[in-house]
Amino acid sequence: MGLQAGAPLVIEVGERLTPARFGSTFSDVAPGELLAYIDARGALALAINVALNARLIPLWSIEGAAWATLGTELVLTAGCGVALWSMRAPAQAGRLVTEP
């Protein structure tokens, strides 16, 4: 892509614009920033920095890791829902066909 680590990007999903930064590791972006990177298939992928783990594990050990995982999964599920909703096709009116 020709981008340097830390380069700012804007990701467009439907009509929503979301700021991100390009990088190859989480250390290329600040905690909580959206990381855009090239995955193993050569496609652009997105990841949310694991700031929750950095904050919750020292406080609550394994329970903190569990809460961070739950939070991450909720964010990913919501993101997938938004992406699927924005790609939906308008409902087509159908007609009922019966044979005599």
C-alpha atoms as a PDB file:
ATOM      1  CA  MET A   1       0.000   0.000   0.000  1.00  0.00           C
ATOM      2  CA  GLY A   2       2.975   2.310   0.440  1.00  0.00           C
ATOM      3  CA  LEU A   3       1.903   3.537   3.893  1.00  0.00           C
ATOM      4  CA  GLN A   4       4.287   4.074   6.787  1.00  0.00           C
ATOM      5  CA  ALA A   5       3.580   2.794  10.298  1.00  0.00           C
ATOM      6  CA  GLY A   6       1.454   5.315  12.169  1.00  0.00           C
ATOM      7  CA  ALA A   7       0.027   6.910   9.006  1.00  0.00           C
ATOM      8  CA  PRO A   8      -3.526   8.213   9.615  1.00  0.00           C
ATOM      9  CA  LEU A   9      -6.383   6.631   7.649  1.00  0.00           C
ATOM     10  CA  VAL A  10     -10.134   7.068   7.419  1.00  0.00           C
ATOM     11  CA  ILE A  11     -12.192   3.880   7.106  1.00  0.00           C
ATOM     12  CA  GLU A  12     -15.557   4.289   5.372  1.00  0.00           C
ATOM     13  CA  VAL A  13     -18.337   1.823   6.199  1.00  0.00           C
ATOM     14  CA  GLY A  14     -21.587   2.828   4.576  1.00  0.00           C
ATOM     15  CA  GLU A  15     -21.953   6.519   5.362  1.00  0.00           C
ATOM     16  CA  ARG A  16     -19.830   6.386   8.520  1.00  0.00           C
ATOM     17  CA  LEU A  17     -16.208   7.567   8.576  1.00  0.00           C
ATOM     18  CA  THR A  18     -13.919   6.167  11.293  1.00  0.00           C
ATOM     19  CA  PRO A  19     -10.346   7.325  11.942  1.00  0.00           C
ATOM     20  CA  ALA A  20      -7.613   4.668  12.136  1.00  0.00           C
ATOM     21  CA  ARG A  21      -3.851   4.358  11.830  1.00  0.00           C
ATOM     22  CA  PHE A  22      -1.862   2.022   9.614  1.00  0.00           C
ATOM     23  CA  GLY A  23       0.671  -0.279  11.257  1.00  0.00           C
ATOM     24  CA  SER A  24       1.935  -3.814  11.652  1.00  0.00           C
ATOM     25  CA  THR A  25       1.856  -4.112  15.468  1.00  0.00           C
ATOM     26  CA  PHE A  26      -0.214  -2.671  18.310  1.00  0.00           C
ATOM     27  CA  SER A  27       2.767  -0.557  19.314  1.00  0.00           C
ATOM     28  CA  ASP A  28       2.308   1.447  16.086  1.00  0.00           C
ATOM     29  CA  VAL A  29      -0.891   3.008  17.492  1.00  0.00           C
ATOM     30  CA  ALA A  30      -1.954   4.541  20.800  1.00  0.00           C
ATOM     31  CA  PRO A  31      -4.046   2.463  23.236  1.00  0.00           C
ATOM     32  CA  GLY A  32      -7.667   2.379  22.098  1.00  0.00           C
ATOM     33  CA  GLU A  33      -6.925   3.467  18.514  1.00  0.00           C
ATOM     34  CA  LEU A  34      -8.133   1.443  15.551  1.00  0.00           C
ATOM     35  CA  LEU A  35      -5.223  -0.368  13.867  1.00  0.00           C
ATOM     36  CA  ALA A  36      -5.392  -1.030  10.115  1.00  0.00           C
ATOM     37  CA  TYR A  37      -2.907  -3.676   8.936  1.00  0.00           C
ATOM     38  CA  ILE A  38      -2.247  -6.084   6.065  1.00  0.00           C
ATOM     39  CA  ASP A  39      -3.193  -9.625   7.091  1.00  0.00           C
ATOM     40  CA  ALA A  40      -1.663 -12.948   5.997  1.00  0.00           C
ATOM     41  CA  ARG A  41      -3.827 -13.020   2.853  1.00  0.00           C
ATOM     42  CA  GLY A  42      -2.679  -9.560   1.815  1.00  0.00           C
ATOM     43  CA  ALA A  43      -6.022  -7.958   2.668  1.00  0.00           C
ATOM     44  CA  LEU A  44      -6.589  -4.877   4.802  1.00  0.00           C
ATOM     45  CA  ALA A  45      -7.730  -5.893   8.286  1.00  0.00           C
ATOM     46  CA  LEU A  46      -8.730  -3.919  11.383  1.00  0.00           C
ATOM     47  CA  ALA A  47      -8.044  -4.529  15.069  1.00  0.00           C
ATOM     48  CA  ILE A  48      -8.870  -2.696  18.250  1.00  0.00           C
ATOM     49  CA  ASN A  49      -5.870  -2.163  20.500  1.00  0.00           C
ATOM     50  CA  VAL A  50      -6.017  -4.365  23.572  1.00  0.00           C
ATOM     51  CA  ALA A  51      -6.042  -1.500  26.057  1.00  0.00           C
ATOM     52  CA  LEU A  52      -8.628  -3.344  28.140  1.00  0.00           C
ATOM     53  CA  ASN A  53      -6.154  -6.167  28.799  1.00  0.00           C
ATOM     54  CA  ALA A  54      -3.422  -3.734  29.768  1.00  0.00           C
ATOM     55  CA  ARG A  55      -5.731  -2.104  32.306  1.00  0.00           C
ATOM     56  CA  LEU A  56      -7.803  -5.013  33.636  1.00  0.00           C
ATOM     57  CA  ILE A  57      -5.286  -7.864  34.008  1.00  0.00           C
ATOM     58  CA  PRO A  58      -3.064  -6.028  36.522  1.00  0.00           C
ATOM     59  CA  LEU A  59      -6.162  -5.085  38.526  1.00  0.00           C
ATOM     60  CA  TRP A  60      -8.118  -8.355  38.478  1.00  0.00           C
ATOM     61  CA  SER A  61      -5.786 -11.046  37.071  1.00  0.00           C
ATOM     62  CA  ILE A  62      -7.659 -13.818  35.254  1.00  0.00           C
ATOM     63  CA  GLU A  63     -11.050 -12.211  35.894  1.00  0.00           C
ATOM     64  CA  GLY A  64      -9.750  -9.046  34.229  1.00  0.00           C
ATOM     65  CA  ALA A  65      -8.707 -11.067  31.193  1.00  0.00           C
ATOM     66  CA  ALA A  66     -12.174 -12.608  31.049  1.00  0.00           C
ATOM     67  CA  TRP A  67     -13.884  -9.197  31.208  1.00  0.00           C
ATOM     68  CA  ALA A  68     -11.516  -7.814  28.551  1.00  0.00           C
ATOM     69  CA  THR A  69     -12.300 -10.766  26.280  1.00  0.00           C
ATOM     70  CA  LEU A  70     -16.032 -10.287  26.813  1.00  0.00           C
ATOM     71  CA  GLY A  71     -15.725  -6.569  26.039  1.00  0.00           C
ATOM     72  CA  THR A  72     -13.721  -7.273  22.892  1.00  0.00           C
ATOM     73  CA  GLU A  73     -16.238  -9.861  21.678  1.00  0.00           C
ATOM     74  CA  LEU A  74     -19.129  -7.463  22.281  1.00  0.00           C
ATOM     75  CA  VAL A  75     -17.396  -4.733  20.256  1.00  0.00           C
ATOM     76  CA  LEU A  76     -16.601  -7.193  17.441  1.00  0.00           C
ATOM     77  CA  THR A  77     -20.163  -8.517  17.382  1.00  0.00           C
ATOM     78  CA  ALA A  78     -21.581  -4.993  17.269  1.00  0.00           C
ATOM     79  CA  GLY A  79     -19.157  -4.072  14.474  1.00  0.00           C
ATOM     80  CA  CYS A  80     -20.175  -7.123  12.452  1.00  0.00           C
ATOM     81  CA  GLY A  81     -23.830  -6.262  12.987  1.00  0.00           C
ATOM     82  CA  VAL A  82     -23.278  -2.694  11.773  1.00  0.00           C
ATOM     83  CA  ALA A  83     -21.323  -3.919   8.736  1.00  0.00           C
ATOM     84  CA  LEU A  84     -23.993  -6.468   7.817  1.00  0.00           C
ATOM     85  CA  TRP A  85     -26.786  -3.926   8.349  1.00  0.00           C
ATOM     86  CA  SER A  86     -25.063  -1.410   6.070  1.00  0.00           C
ATOM     87  CA  MET A  87     -24.677  -4.017   3.304  1.00  0.00           C
ATOM     88  CA  ARG A  88     -28.258  -5.265   3.352  1.00  0.00           C
ATOM     89  CA  ALA A  89     -30.216  -5.165   0.125  1.00  0.00           C
ATOM     90  CA  PRO A  90     -33.558  -3.417   0.029  1.00  0.00           C
ATOM     91  CA  ALA A  91     -36.477  -5.811   0.355  1.00  0.00           C
ATOM     92  CA  GLN A  92     -38.025  -6.688  -2.976  1.00  0.00           C
ATOM     93  CA  ALA A  93     -41.770  -6.980  -3.351  1.00  0.00           C
ATOM     94  CA  GLY A  94     -42.681 -10.473  -4.445  1.00  0.00           C
ATOM     95  CA  ARG A  95     -45.766 -11.981  -5.960  1.00  0.00           C
ATOM     96  CA  LEU A  96     -47.579 -15.136  -5.079  1.00  0.00           C
ATOM     97  CA  VAL A  97     -47.775 -17.598  -7.914  1.00  0.00           C
ATOM     98  CA  THR A  98     -50.168 -20.516  -7.703  1.00  0.00           C
ATOM     99  CA  GLU A  99     -51.056 -23.169 -10.194  1.00  0.00           C
ATOM    100  CA  PRO A 100     -54.725 -24.047 -10.756  1.00  0.00           C
END
